[in-house]
Every structure is written in C-alpha cells, then in structure tokens.
Amino acid sequence: MAKSSATKDAQALFHSLRSAYATTPTNLKIIDLYVVFAIFSALIQVVYMALVGSFPFNSFLSGVLSCIGTAVLAVCLRIQVNKENKEFKDLPPERAFADFVLCNLVLHLVIMNFLG
C-alpha cells in the first residue's frame, strides 16, 4: 500500500514539474540543454579518467573545471535572462550575454594557463 501511495505522489510531482516546464520560454530551455551538456561532458571525462588513468592530471583538472565553470556561468546567464526574476528586470539580455561571453573568455584563459 505504501509503495502505491509513493508512486502516485512521484507521478503527481513529475506531472506538475512537466507541466510547469512546458511554459518555460525556449531561450531558457536552450540554456538548460547547454548546462546539461556541460555537466555530461564533465561526467564523461571523470569516467574516462577512472577507466584509463589520469597521467596528465593538469589536463584532467582543466577539462573538468572548464565544463563545470561553463555550466555555472550558464546558470548565471539563465538567472539573468529569466523574465520572471525581478532582481535583473532592468538588465537587458544582450548585456547578460556579453557578461557570459566575457566571463567564459576569462575562465578559459585561466584554464589554458593552468594547462601549462
């Protein structure tokens, strides 16, 4: 009995999340997909390191930190571009995207410097 109640609750939660996400604007969905891709790339690198080894450890750290850093910056972009967020209502989306690009450039310059 408890399992069926938990299953119904999980299905109701999944349905409510799905219906709420259906109303999300397309540009936010694209940013979400980019975040998922960046995290997935980091996971692939971690699995590869676990299977093969981490001989050039700086390269492994650079790759993983680049993916995670890019995902964090994309989440910040998503927060700034979201129309429902009242904190950034005066910030134009072009400015938020310019900040994202500039921060990514700085991040990847640091990553390239870390590679040596």
PDB file of N, CA and C in Angstrom:
ATOM      1  N   MET A   1       0.806  -1.189   0.000  1.00  0.00           N
ATOM      2  CA  MET A   1       0.000   0.000   0.000  1.00  0.00           C
ATOM      3  C   MET A   1       0.856   1.262   0.000  1.00  0.00           C
ATOM      4  N   ALA A   2       1.933   1.252   0.779  1.00  0.00           N
ATOM      5  CA  ALA A   2       2.767   2.446   0.877  1.00  0.00           C
ATOM      6  C   ALA A   2       3.486   2.715  -0.443  1.00  0.00           C
ATOM      7  N   LYS A   3       3.826   1.653  -1.151  1.00  0.00           N
ATOM      8  CA  LYS A   3       4.512   1.856  -2.426  1.00  0.00           C
ATOM      9  C   LYS A   3       3.592   2.497  -3.451  1.00  0.00           C
ATOM     10  N   SER A   4       2.336   2.117  -3.478  1.00  0.00           N
ATOM     11  CA  SER A   4       1.430   2.703  -4.456  1.00  0.00           C
ATOM     12  C   SER A   4       1.186   4.179  -4.144  1.00  0.00           C
ATOM     13  N   SER A   5       1.139   4.529  -2.870  1.00  0.00           N
ATOM     14  CA  SER A   5       0.974   5.933  -2.493  1.00  0.00           C
ATOM     15  C   SER A   5       2.215   6.744  -2.879  1.00  0.00           C
ATOM     16  N   ALA A   6       3.380   6.182  -2.644  1.00  0.00           N
ATOM     17  CA  ALA A   6       4.622   6.860  -3.016  1.00  0.00           C
ATOM     18  C   ALA A   6       4.728   6.991  -4.531  1.00  0.00           C
ATOM     19  N   THR A   7       4.277   5.962  -5.246  1.00  0.00           N
ATOM     20  CA  THR A   7       4.304   6.004  -6.707  1.00  0.00           C
ATOM     21  C   THR A   7       3.357   7.073  -7.230  1.00  0.00           C
ATOM     22  N   LYS A   8       2.183   7.173  -6.635  1.00  0.00           N
ATOM     23  CA  LYS A   8       1.231   8.207  -7.060  1.00  0.00           C
ATOM     24  C   LYS A   8       1.771   9.601  -6.765  1.00  0.00           C
ATOM     25  N   ASP A   9       2.407   9.747  -5.620  1.00  0.00           N
ATOM     26  CA  ASP A   9       2.998  11.045  -5.289  1.00  0.00           C
ATOM     27  C   ASP A   9       4.112  11.403  -6.265  1.00  0.00           C
ATOM     28  N   ALA A  10       4.940  10.429  -6.601  1.00  0.00           N
ATOM     29  CA  ALA A  10       6.035  10.673  -7.545  1.00  0.00           C
ATOM     30  C   ALA A  10       5.482  11.021  -8.925  1.00  0.00           C
ATOM     31  N   GLN A  11       4.432  10.326  -9.340  1.00  0.00           N
ATOM     32  CA  GLN A  11       3.828  10.623 -10.640  1.00  0.00           C
ATOM     33  C   GLN A  11       3.197  12.009 -10.651  1.00  0.00           C
ATOM     34  N   ALA A  12       2.555  12.391  -9.551  1.00  0.00           N
ATOM     35  CA  ALA A  12       1.959  13.721  -9.466  1.00  0.00           C
ATOM     36  C   ALA A  12       3.036  14.803  -9.498  1.00  0.00           C
ATOM     37  N   LEU A  13       4.134  14.562  -8.802  1.00  0.00           N
ATOM     38  CA  LEU A  13       5.239  15.514  -8.806  1.00  0.00           C
ATOM     39  C   LEU A  13       5.835  15.631 -10.204  1.00  0.00           C
ATOM     40  N   PHE A  14       6.053  14.502 -10.853  1.00  0.00           N
ATOM     41  CA  PHE A  14       6.607  14.510 -12.208  1.00  0.00           C
ATOM     42  C   PHE A  14       5.681  15.238 -13.168  1.00  0.00           C
ATOM     43  N   HIS A  15       4.388  14.995 -13.047  1.00  0.00           N
ATOM     44  CA  HIS A  15       3.418  15.651 -13.927  1.00  0.00           C
ATOM     45  C   HIS A  15       3.387  17.161 -13.694  1.00  0.00           C
ATOM     46  N   SER A  16       3.441  17.582 -12.436  1.00  0.00           N
ATOM     47  CA  SER A  16       3.415  19.022 -12.155  1.00  0.00           C
ATOM     48  C   SER A  16       4.699  19.707 -12.642  1.00  0.00           C
ATOM     49  N   LEU A  17       5.853  19.055 -12.471  1.00  0.00           N
ATOM     50  CA  LEU A  17       7.103  19.623 -12.979  1.00  0.00           C
ATOM     51  C   LEU A  17       7.094  19.710 -14.506  1.00  0.00           C
ATOM     52  N   ARG A  18       6.550  18.681 -15.134  1.00  0.00           N
ATOM     53  CA  ARG A  18       6.497  18.659 -16.594  1.00  0.00           C
ATOM     54  C   ARG A  18       5.575  19.745 -17.134  1.00  0.00           C
ATOM     55  N   SER A  19       4.433  19.936 -16.502  1.00  0.00           N
ATOM     56  CA  SER A  19       3.512  20.966 -16.975  1.00  0.00           C
ATOM     57  C   SER A  19       4.066  22.366 -16.698  1.00  0.00           C
ATOM     58  N   ALA A  20       4.776  22.538 -15.590  1.00  0.00           N
ATOM     59  CA  ALA A  20       5.380  23.843 -15.304  1.00  0.00           C
ATOM     60  C   ALA A  20       6.520  24.137 -16.275  1.00  0.00           C
ATOM     61  N   TYR A  21       7.291  23.120 -16.635  1.00  0.00           N
ATOM     62  CA  TYR A  21       8.410  23.325 -17.557  1.00  0.00           C
ATOM     63  C   TYR A  21       7.929  23.553 -18.984  1.00  0.00           C
ATOM     64  N   ALA A  22       6.728  23.097 -19.287  1.00  0.00           N
ATOM     65  CA  ALA A  22       6.185  23.303 -20.633  1.00  0.00           C
ATOM     66  C   ALA A  22       5.954  24.787 -20.913  1.00  0.00           C
ATOM     67  N   THR A  23       5.744  25.582 -19.874  1.00  0.00           N
ATOM     68  CA  THR A  23       5.516  27.014 -20.063  1.00  0.00           C
ATOM     69  C   THR A  23       6.818  27.818 -20.059  1.00  0.00           C
ATOM     70  N   THR A  24       7.940  27.155 -19.873  1.00  0.00           N
ATOM     71  CA  THR A  24       9.235  27.847 -19.863  1.00  0.00           C
ATOM     72  C   THR A  24       9.570  28.332 -21.269  1.00  0.00           C
ATOM     73  N   PRO A  25      10.064  29.558 -21.401  1.00  0.00           N
ATOM     74  CA  PRO A  25      10.434  30.068 -22.738  1.00  0.00           C
ATOM     75  C   PRO A  25      11.537  29.235 -23.389  1.00  0.00           C
ATOM     76  N   THR A  26      11.578  29.281 -24.701  1.00  0.00           N
ATOM     77  CA  THR A  26      12.516  28.460 -25.465  1.00  0.00           C
ATOM     78  C   THR A  26      13.966  28.835 -25.180  1.00  0.00           C
ATOM     79  N   ASN A  27      14.257  30.126 -25.014  1.00  0.00           N
ATOM     80  CA  ASN A  27      15.654  30.504 -24.776  1.00  0.00           C
ATOM     81  C   ASN A  27      16.165  29.941 -23.451  1.00  0.00           C
ATOM     82  N   LEU A  28      15.303  29.832 -22.448  1.00  0.00           N
ATOM     83  CA  LEU A  28      15.726  29.222 -21.186  1.00  0.00           C
ATOM     84  C   LEU A  28      15.906  27.713 -21.328  1.00  0.00           C
ATOM     85  N   LYS A  29      15.088  27.089 -22.163  1.00  0.00           N
ATOM     86  CA  LYS A  29      15.255  25.651 -22.404  1.00  0.00           C
ATOM     87  C   LYS A  29      16.571  25.358 -23.124  1.00  0.00           C
ATOM     88  N   ILE A  30      16.963  26.243 -24.021  1.00  0.00           N
ATOM     89  CA  ILE A  30      18.239  26.072 -24.722  1.00  0.00           C
ATOM     90  C   ILE A  30      19.400  26.204 -23.742  1.00  0.00           C
ATOM     91  N   ILE A  31      19.314  27.167 -22.839  1.00  0.00           N
ATOM     92  CA  ILE A  31      20.363  27.320 -21.824  1.00  0.00           C
ATOM     93  C   ILE A  31      20.400  26.096 -20.922  1.00  0.00           C
ATOM     94  N   ASP A  32      19.227  25.553 -20.560  1.00  0.00           N
ATOM     95  CA  ASP A  32      19.177  24.337 -19.745  1.00  0.00           C
ATOM     96  C   ASP A  32      19.846  23.166 -20.458  1.00  0.00           C
ATOM     97  N   LEU A  33      19.605  23.051 -21.745  1.00  0.00           N
ATOM     98  CA  LEU A  33      20.233  21.982 -22.521  1.00  0.00           C
ATOM     99  C   LEU A  33      21.748  22.140 -22.559  1.00  0.00           C
ATOM    100  N   TYR A  34      22.216  23.366 -22.658  1.00  0.00           N
ATOM    101  CA  TYR A  34      23.664  23.641 -22.639  1.00  0.00           C
ATOM    102  C   TYR A  34      24.277  23.259 -21.296  1.00  0.00           C
ATOM    103  N   VAL A  35      23.573  23.548 -20.201  1.00  0.00           N
ATOM    104  CA  VAL A  35      24.060  23.188 -18.866  1.00  0.00           C
ATOM    105  C   VAL A  35      24.148  21.670 -18.739  1.00  0.00           C
ATOM    106  N   VAL A  36      23.122  20.973 -19.201  1.00  0.00           N
ATOM    107  CA  VAL A  36      23.126  19.505 -19.133  1.00  0.00           C
ATOM    108  C   VAL A  36      24.278  18.943 -19.963  1.00  0.00           C
ATOM    109  N   PHE A  37      24.521  19.520 -21.136  1.00  0.00           N
ATOM    110  CA  PHE A  37      25.628  19.064 -21.979  1.00  0.00           C
ATOM    111  C   PHE A  37      26.972  19.273 -21.284  1.00  0.00           C
ATOM    112  N   ALA A  38      27.145  20.418 -20.639  1.00  0.00           N
ATOM    113  CA  ALA A  38      28.421  20.702 -19.960  1.00  0.00           C
ATOM    114  C   ALA A  38      28.651  19.735 -18.799  1.00  0.00           C
ATOM    115  N   ILE A  39      27.611  19.469 -18.020  1.00  0.00           N
ATOM    116  CA  ILE A  39      27.736  18.536 -16.895  1.00  0.00           C
ATOM    117  C   ILE A  39      27.990  17.123 -17.419  1.00  0.00           C
ATOM    118  N   PHE A  40      27.301  16.745 -18.491  1.00  0.00           N
ATOM    119  CA  PHE A  40      27.504  15.419 -19.086  1.00  0.00           C
ATOM    120  C   PHE A  40      28.928  15.264 -19.608  1.00  0.00           C
ATOM    121  N   SER A  41      29.474  16.317 -20.207  1.00  0.00           N
ATOM    122  CA  SER A  41      30.865  16.273 -20.678  1.00  0.00           C
ATOM    123  C   SER A  41      31.831  16.086 -19.516  1.00  0.00           C
ATOM    124  N   ALA A  42      31.563  16.761 -18.400  1.00  0.00           N
ATOM    125  CA  ALA A  42      32.420  16.596 -17.217  1.00  0.00           C
ATOM    126  C   ALA A  42      32.331  15.169 -16.687  1.00  0.00           C
ATOM    127  N   LEU A  43      31.139  14.606 -16.675  1.00  0.00           N
ATOM    128  CA  LEU A  43      30.979  13.222 -16.204  1.00  0.00           C
ATOM    129  C   LEU A  43      31.702  12.236 -17.108  1.00  0.00           C
ATOM    130  N   ILE A  44      31.647  12.462 -18.411  1.00  0.00           N
ATOM    131  CA  ILE A  44      32.370  11.587 -19.345  1.00  0.00           C
ATOM    132  C   ILE A  44      33.871  11.654 -19.074  1.00  0.00           C
ATOM    133  N   GLN A  45      34.382  12.838 -18.794  1.00  0.00           N
ATOM    134  CA  GLN A  45      35.813  12.979 -18.502  1.00  0.00           C
ATOM    135  C   GLN A  45      36.190  12.270 -17.209  1.00  0.00           C
ATOM    136  N   VAL A  46      35.329  12.342 -16.208  1.00  0.00           N
ATOM    137  CA  VAL A  46      35.606  11.666 -14.937  1.00  0.00           C
ATOM    138  C   VAL A  46      35.591  10.152 -15.131  1.00  0.00           C
ATOM    139  N   VAL A  47      34.631   9.640 -15.898  1.00  0.00           N
ATOM    140  CA  VAL A  47      34.580   8.202 -16.160  1.00  0.00           C
ATOM    141  C   VAL A  47      35.804   7.763 -16.957  1.00  0.00           C
ATOM    142  N   TYR A  48      36.188   8.557 -17.939  1.00  0.00           N
ATOM    143  CA  TYR A  48      37.384   8.234 -18.722  1.00  0.00           C
ATOM    144  C   TYR A  48      38.623   8.205 -17.829  1.00  0.00           C
ATOM    145  N   MET A  49      38.728   9.163 -16.926  1.00  0.00           N
ATOM    146  CA  MET A  49      39.873   9.200 -16.019  1.00  0.00           C
ATOM    147  C   MET A  49      39.872   7.980 -15.106  1.00  0.00           C
ATOM    148  N   ALA A  50      38.688   7.554 -14.660  1.00  0.00           N
ATOM    149  CA  ALA A  50      38.608   6.387 -13.783  1.00  0.00           C
ATOM    150  C   ALA A  50      38.995   5.111 -14.526  1.00  0.00           C
ATOM    151  N   LEU A  51      38.649   5.026 -15.798  1.00  0.00           N
ATOM    152  CA  LEU A  51      38.948   3.816 -16.571  1.00  0.00           C
ATOM    153  C   LEU A  51      40.387   3.794 -17.079  1.00  0.00           C
ATOM    154  N   VAL A  52      40.874   4.882 -17.607  1.00  0.00           N
ATOM    155  CA  VAL A  52      42.170   4.905 -18.273  1.00  0.00           C
ATOM    156  C   VAL A  52      43.291   5.351 -17.337  1.00  0.00           C
ATOM    157  N   GLY A  53      43.001   6.320 -16.504  1.00  0.00           N
ATOM    158  CA  GLY A  53      44.025   6.866 -15.629  1.00  0.00           C
ATOM    159  C   GLY A  53      44.147   8.363 -15.837  1.00  0.00           C
ATOM    160  N   SER A  54      44.864   8.977 -14.936  1.00  0.00           N
ATOM    161  CA  SER A  54      44.962  10.437 -15.006  1.00  0.00           C
ATOM    162  C   SER A  54      46.420  10.865 -15.109  1.00  0.00           C
ATOM    163  N   PHE A  55      47.126  10.364 -16.125  1.00  0.00           N
ATOM    164  CA  PHE A  55      48.546  10.693 -16.220  1.00  0.00           C
ATOM    165  C   PHE A  55      48.786  12.194 -16.313  1.00  0.00           C
ATOM    166  N   PRO A  56      48.241  12.883 -17.324  1.00  0.00           N
ATOM    167  CA  PRO A  56      48.413  14.349 -17.251  1.00  0.00           C
ATOM    168  C   PRO A  56      47.283  14.930 -16.387  1.00  0.00           C
ATOM    169  N   PHE A  57      47.502  14.948 -15.077  1.00  0.00           N
ATOM    170  CA  PHE A  57      46.438  15.336 -14.146  1.00  0.00           C
ATOM    171  C   PHE A  57      45.992  16.771 -14.375  1.00  0.00           C
ATOM    172  N   ASN A  58      46.907  17.653 -14.793  1.00  0.00           N
ATOM    173  CA  ASN A  58      46.515  19.031 -15.088  1.00  0.00           C
ATOM    174  C   ASN A  58      45.497  19.079 -16.218  1.00  0.00           C
ATOM    175  N   SER A  59      45.656  18.220 -17.205  1.00  0.00           N
ATOM    176  CA  SER A  59      44.712  18.186 -18.319  1.00  0.00           C
ATOM    177  C   SER A  59      43.335  17.727 -17.850  1.00  0.00           C
ATOM    178  N   PHE A  60      43.319  16.722 -16.997  1.00  0.00           N
ATOM    179  CA  PHE A  60      42.042  16.242 -16.461  1.00  0.00           C
ATOM    180  C   PHE A  60      41.349  17.341 -15.670  1.00  0.00           C
ATOM    181  N   LEU A  61      42.096  17.979 -14.757  1.00  0.00           N
ATOM    182  CA  LEU A  61      41.506  19.050 -13.953  1.00  0.00           C
ATOM    183  C   LEU A  61      41.046  20.213 -14.828  1.00  0.00           C
ATOM    184  N   SER A  62      41.816  20.555 -15.821  1.00  0.00           N
ATOM    185  CA  SER A  62      41.430  21.649 -16.702  1.00  0.00           C
ATOM    186  C   SER A  62      40.137  21.344 -17.448  1.00  0.00           C
ATOM    187  N   GLY A  63      40.040  20.136 -17.958  1.00  0.00           N
ATOM    188  CA  GLY A  63      38.832  19.769 -18.692  1.00  0.00           C
ATOM    189  C   GLY A  63      37.595  19.764 -17.820  1.00  0.00           C
ATOM    190  N   VAL A  64      37.702  19.168 -16.644  1.00  0.00           N
ATOM    191  CA  VAL A  64      36.543  19.083 -15.752  1.00  0.00           C
ATOM    192  C   VAL A  64      36.169  20.468 -15.221  1.00  0.00           C
ATOM    193  N   LEU A  65      37.161  21.243 -14.807  1.00  0.00           N
ATOM    194  CA  LEU A  65      36.856  22.575 -14.292  1.00  0.00           C
ATOM    195  C   LEU A  65      36.318  23.500 -15.379  1.00  0.00           C
ATOM    196  N   SER A  66      36.755  23.303 -16.602  1.00  0.00           N
ATOM    197  CA  SER A  66      36.205  24.078 -17.707  1.00  0.00           C
ATOM    198  C   SER A  66      34.729  23.764 -17.912  1.00  0.00           C
ATOM    199  N   CYS A  67      34.375  22.491 -17.886  1.00  0.00           N
ATOM    200  CA  CYS A  67      32.973  22.103 -18.059  1.00  0.00           C
ATOM    201  C   CYS A  67      32.104  22.603 -16.908  1.00  0.00           C
ATOM    202  N   ILE A  68      32.569  22.408 -15.686  1.00  0.00           N
ATOM    203  CA  ILE A  68      31.791  22.831 -14.523  1.00  0.00           C
ATOM    204  C   ILE A  68      31.690  24.362 -14.479  1.00  0.00           C
ATOM    205  N   GLY A  69      32.780  25.057 -14.754  1.00  0.00           N
ATOM    206  CA  GLY A  69      32.754  26.522 -14.763  1.00  0.00           C
ATOM    207  C   GLY A  69      31.817  27.074 -15.824  1.00  0.00           C
ATOM    208  N   THR A  70      31.834  26.462 -16.995  1.00  0.00           N
ATOM    209  CA  THR A  70      30.931  26.887 -18.059  1.00  0.00           C
ATOM    210  C   THR A  70      29.478  26.647 -17.665  1.00  0.00           C
ATOM    211  N   ALA A  71      29.210  25.529 -17.007  1.00  0.00           N
ATOM    212  CA  ALA A  71      27.846  25.248 -16.556  1.00  0.00           C
ATOM    213  C   ALA A  71      27.393  26.271 -15.515  1.00  0.00           C
ATOM    214  N   VAL A  72      28.275  26.621 -14.605  1.00  0.00           N
ATOM    215  CA  VAL A  72      27.921  27.622 -13.580  1.00  0.00           C
ATOM    216  C   VAL A  72      27.654  28.976 -14.231  1.00  0.00           C
ATOM    217  N   LEU A  73      28.476  29.362 -15.176  1.00  0.00           N
ATOM    218  CA  LEU A  73      28.247  30.626 -15.865  1.00  0.00           C
ATOM    219  C   LEU A  73      26.956  30.603 -16.670  1.00  0.00           C
ATOM    220  N   ALA A  74      26.610  29.463 -17.239  1.00  0.00           N
ATOM    221  CA  ALA A  74      25.353  29.348 -17.983  1.00  0.00           C
ATOM    222  C   ALA A  74      24.152  29.442 -17.039  1.00  0.00           C
ATOM    223  N   VAL A  75      24.272  28.886 -15.843  1.00  0.00           N
ATOM    224  CA  VAL A  75      23.190  29.018 -14.867  1.00  0.00           C
ATOM    225  C   VAL A  75      23.025  30.483 -14.475  1.00  0.00           C
ATOM    226  N   CYS A  76      24.123  31.189 -14.306  1.00  0.00           N
ATOM    227  CA  CYS A  76      24.050  32.632 -14.015  1.00  0.00           C
ATOM    228  C   CYS A  76      23.379  33.381 -15.170  1.00  0.00           C
ATOM    229  N   LEU A  77      23.708  33.005 -16.399  1.00  0.00           N
ATOM    230  CA  LEU A  77      23.058  33.611 -17.563  1.00  0.00           C
ATOM    231  C   LEU A  77      21.561  33.339 -17.543  1.00  0.00           C
ATOM    232  N   ARG A  78      21.187  32.112 -17.205  1.00  0.00           N
ATOM    233  CA  ARG A  78      19.767  31.754 -17.162  1.00  0.00           C
ATOM    234  C   ARG A  78      19.029  32.584 -16.117  1.00  0.00           C
ATOM    235  N   ILE A  79      19.651  32.786 -14.982  1.00  0.00           N
ATOM    236  CA  ILE A  79      19.021  33.591 -13.929  1.00  0.00           C
ATOM    237  C   ILE A  79      18.835  35.030 -14.400  1.00  0.00           C
ATOM    238  N   GLN A  80      19.833  35.574 -15.098  1.00  0.00           N
ATOM    239  CA  GLN A  80      19.748  36.960 -15.534  1.00  0.00           C
ATOM    240  C   GLN A  80      18.769  37.163 -16.681  1.00  0.00           C
ATOM    241  N   VAL A  81      18.612  36.163 -17.540  1.00  0.00           N
ATOM    242  CA  VAL A  81      17.761  36.295 -18.714  1.00  0.00           C
ATOM    243  C   VAL A  81      16.289  35.999 -18.394  1.00  0.00           C
ATOM    244  N   ASN A  82      16.034  35.283 -17.318  1.00  0.00           N
ATOM    245  CA  ASN A  82      14.673  34.903 -16.955  1.00  0.00           C
ATOM    246  C   ASN A  82      13.823  36.144 -16.692  1.00  0.00           C
ATOM    247  N   LYS A  83      12.693  36.250 -17.398  1.00  0.00           N
ATOM    248  CA  LYS A  83      11.816  37.416 -17.262  1.00  0.00           C
ATOM    249  C   LYS A  83      11.091  37.433 -15.919  1.00  0.00           C
ATOM    250  N   GLU A  84      10.908  36.272 -15.309  1.00  0.00           N
ATOM    251  CA  GLU A  84      10.190  36.205 -14.038  1.00  0.00           C
ATOM    252  C   GLU A  84      11.055  36.622 -12.855  1.00  0.00           C
ATOM    253  N   ASN A  85      12.344  36.724 -13.061  1.00  0.00           N
ATOM    254  CA  ASN A  85      13.252  37.130 -11.999  1.00  0.00           C
ATOM    255  C   ASN A  85      13.213  38.656 -11.869  1.00  0.00           C
ATOM    256  N   LYS A  86      12.791  39.127 -10.719  1.00  0.00           N
ATOM    257  CA  LYS A  86      12.617  40.570 -10.521  1.00  0.00           C
ATOM    258  C   LYS A  86      13.929  41.298 -10.226  1.00  0.00           C
ATOM    259  N   GLU A  87      14.954  40.570  -9.797  1.00  0.00           N
ATOM    260  CA  GLU A  87      16.234  41.211  -9.467  1.00  0.00           C
ATOM    261  C   GLU A  87      16.924  41.818 -10.679  1.00  0.00           C
ATOM    262  N   PHE A  88      16.797  41.167 -11.814  1.00  0.00           N
ATOM    263  CA  PHE A  88      17.510  41.590 -13.019  1.00  0.00           C
ATOM    264  C   PHE A  88      16.556  42.126 -14.077  1.00  0.00           C
ATOM    265  N   LYS A  89      15.455  42.738 -13.662  1.00  0.00           N
ATOM    266  CA  LYS A  89      14.470  43.207 -14.649  1.00  0.00           C
ATOM    267  C   LYS A  89      14.998  44.369 -15.483  1.00  0.00           C
ATOM    268  N   ASP A  90      15.925  45.157 -14.936  1.00  0.00           N
ATOM    269  CA  ASP A  90      16.474  46.288 -15.689  1.00  0.00           C
ATOM    270  C   ASP A  90      17.667  45.908 -16.555  1.00  0.00           C
ATOM    271  N   LEU A  91      18.151  44.682 -16.425  1.00  0.00           N
ATOM    272  CA  LEU A  91      19.317  44.230 -17.178  1.00  0.00           C
ATOM    273  C   LEU A  91      18.870  43.688 -18.531  1.00  0.00           C
ATOM    274  N   PRO A  92      19.318  44.286 -19.630  1.00  0.00           N
ATOM    275  CA  PRO A  92      18.928  43.748 -20.945  1.00  0.00           C
ATOM    276  C   PRO A  92      19.602  42.396 -21.201  1.00  0.00           C
ATOM    277  N   PRO A  93      18.940  41.527 -21.945  1.00  0.00           N
ATOM    278  CA  PRO A  93      19.515  40.200 -22.231  1.00  0.00           C
ATOM    279  C   PRO A  93      20.845  40.276 -22.973  1.00  0.00           C
ATOM    280  N   GLU A  94      21.017  41.302 -23.786  1.00  0.00           N
ATOM    281  CA  GLU A  94      22.284  41.444 -24.518  1.00  0.00           C
ATOM    282  C   GLU A  94      23.443  41.688 -23.560  1.00  0.00           C
ATOM    283  N   ARG A  95      23.194  42.458 -22.526  1.00  0.00           N
ATOM    284  CA  ARG A  95      24.228  42.720 -21.525  1.00  0.00           C
ATOM    285  C   ARG A  95      24.558  41.442 -20.754  1.00  0.00           C
ATOM    286  N   ALA A  96      23.516  40.672 -20.409  1.00  0.00           N
ATOM    287  CA  ALA A  96      23.740  39.411 -19.698  1.00  0.00           C
ATOM    288  C   ALA A  96      24.560  38.455 -20.554  1.00  0.00           C
ATOM    289  N   PHE A  97      24.256  38.402 -21.858  1.00  0.00           N
ATOM    290  CA  PHE A  97      25.013  37.523 -22.743  1.00  0.00           C
ATOM    291  C   PHE A  97      26.448  38.004 -22.905  1.00  0.00           C
ATOM    292  N   ALA A  98      26.649  39.314 -22.974  1.00  0.00           N
ATOM    293  CA  ALA A  98      28.011  39.859 -23.066  1.00  0.00           C
ATOM    294  C   ALA A  98      28.806  39.517 -21.808  1.00  0.00           C
ATOM    295  N   ASP A  99      28.179  39.607 -20.639  1.00  0.00           N
ATOM    296  CA  ASP A  99      28.843  39.199 -19.398  1.00  0.00           C
ATOM    297  C   ASP A  99      29.219  37.725 -19.437  1.00  0.00           C
ATOM    298  N   PHE A 100      28.307  36.904 -19.940  1.00  0.00           N
ATOM    299  CA  PHE A 100      28.549  35.462 -20.049  1.00  0.00           C
ATOM    300  C   PHE A 100      29.750  35.179 -20.947  1.00  0.00           C
ATOM    301  N   VAL A 101      29.812  35.846 -22.089  1.00  0.00           N
ATOM    302  CA  VAL A 101      30.911  35.625 -23.029  1.00  0.00           C
ATOM    303  C   VAL A 101      32.235  36.098 -22.433  1.00  0.00           C
ATOM    304  N   LEU A 102      32.231  37.272 -21.812  1.00  0.00           N
ATOM    305  CA  LEU A 102      33.453  37.791 -21.215  1.00  0.00           C
ATOM    306  C   LEU A 102      33.950  36.892 -20.084  1.00  0.00           C
ATOM    307  N   CYS A 103      33.047  36.438 -19.236  1.00  0.00           N
ATOM    308  CA  CYS A 103      33.446  35.546 -18.137  1.00  0.00           C
ATOM    309  C   CYS A 103      33.948  34.208 -18.673  1.00  0.00           C
ATOM    310  N   ASN A 104      33.353  33.727 -19.751  1.00  0.00           N
ATOM    311  CA  ASN A 104      33.846  32.488 -20.358  1.00  0.00           C
ATOM    312  C   ASN A 104      35.250  32.672 -20.924  1.00  0.00           C
ATOM    313  N   LEU A 105      35.503  33.817 -21.527  1.00  0.00           N
ATOM    314  CA  LEU A 105      36.849  34.083 -22.035  1.00  0.00           C
ATOM    315  C   LEU A 105      37.868  34.088 -20.902  1.00  0.00           C
ATOM    316  N   VAL A 106      37.536  34.752 -19.808  1.00  0.00           N
ATOM    317  CA  VAL A 106      38.447  34.785 -18.660  1.00  0.00           C
ATOM    318  C   VAL A 106      38.639  33.382 -18.094  1.00  0.00           C
ATOM    319  N   LEU A 107      37.547  32.636 -17.958  1.00  0.00           N
ATOM    320  CA  LEU A 107      37.640  31.261 -17.446  1.00  0.00           C
ATOM    321  C   LEU A 107      38.558  30.415 -18.311  1.00  0.00           C
ATOM    322  N   HIS A 108      38.383  30.488 -19.609  1.00  0.00           N
ATOM    323  CA  HIS A 108      39.180  29.626 -20.477  1.00  0.00           C
ATOM    324  C   HIS A 108      40.624  30.119 -20.610  1.00  0.00           C
ATOM    325  N   LEU A 109      40.874  31.401 -20.434  1.00  0.00           N
ATOM    326  CA  LEU A 109      42.266  31.867 -20.379  1.00  0.00           C
ATOM    327  C   LEU A 109      42.955  31.302 -19.129  1.00  0.00           C
ATOM    328  N   VAL A 110      42.252  31.275 -18.025  1.00  0.00           N
ATOM    329  CA  VAL A 110      42.821  30.691 -16.797  1.00  0.00           C
ATOM    330  C   VAL A 110      43.037  29.191 -16.987  1.00  0.00           C
ATOM    331  N   ILE A 111      42.092  28.516 -17.609  1.00  0.00           N
ATOM    332  CA  ILE A 111      42.222  27.068 -17.854  1.00  0.00           C
ATOM    333  C   ILE A 111      43.419  26.798 -18.766  1.00  0.00           C
ATOM    334  N   MET A 112      43.582  27.587 -19.814  1.00  0.00           N
ATOM    335  CA  MET A 112      44.719  27.387 -20.708  1.00  0.00           C
ATOM    336  C   MET A 112      46.046  27.663 -20.000  1.00  0.00           C
ATOM    337  N   ASN A 113      46.044  28.640 -19.111  1.00  0.00           N
ATOM    338  CA  ASN A 113      47.244  28.922 -18.345  1.00  0.00           C
ATOM    339  C   ASN A 113      47.547  27.774 -17.385  1.00  0.00           C
ATOM    340  N   PHE A 114      46.522  27.158 -16.822  1.00  0.00           N
ATOM    341  CA  PHE A 114      46.713  26.054 -15.901  1.00  0.00           C
ATOM    342  C   PHE A 114      47.274  24.827 -16.618  1.00  0.00           C
ATOM    343  N   LEU A 115      46.935  24.667 -17.889  1.00  0.00           N
ATOM    344  CA  LEU A 115      47.461  23.527 -18.645  1.00  0.00           C
ATOM    345  C   LEU A 115      48.988  23.575 -18.736  1.00  0.00           C
ATOM    346  N   GLY A 116      49.522  24.751 -18.821  1.00  0.00           N
ATOM    347  CA  GLY A 116      50.978  24.900 -18.827  1.00  0.00           C
ATOM    348  C   GLY A 116      51.610  24.914 -20.158  1.00  0.00           C
TER     349      GLY A 116
END
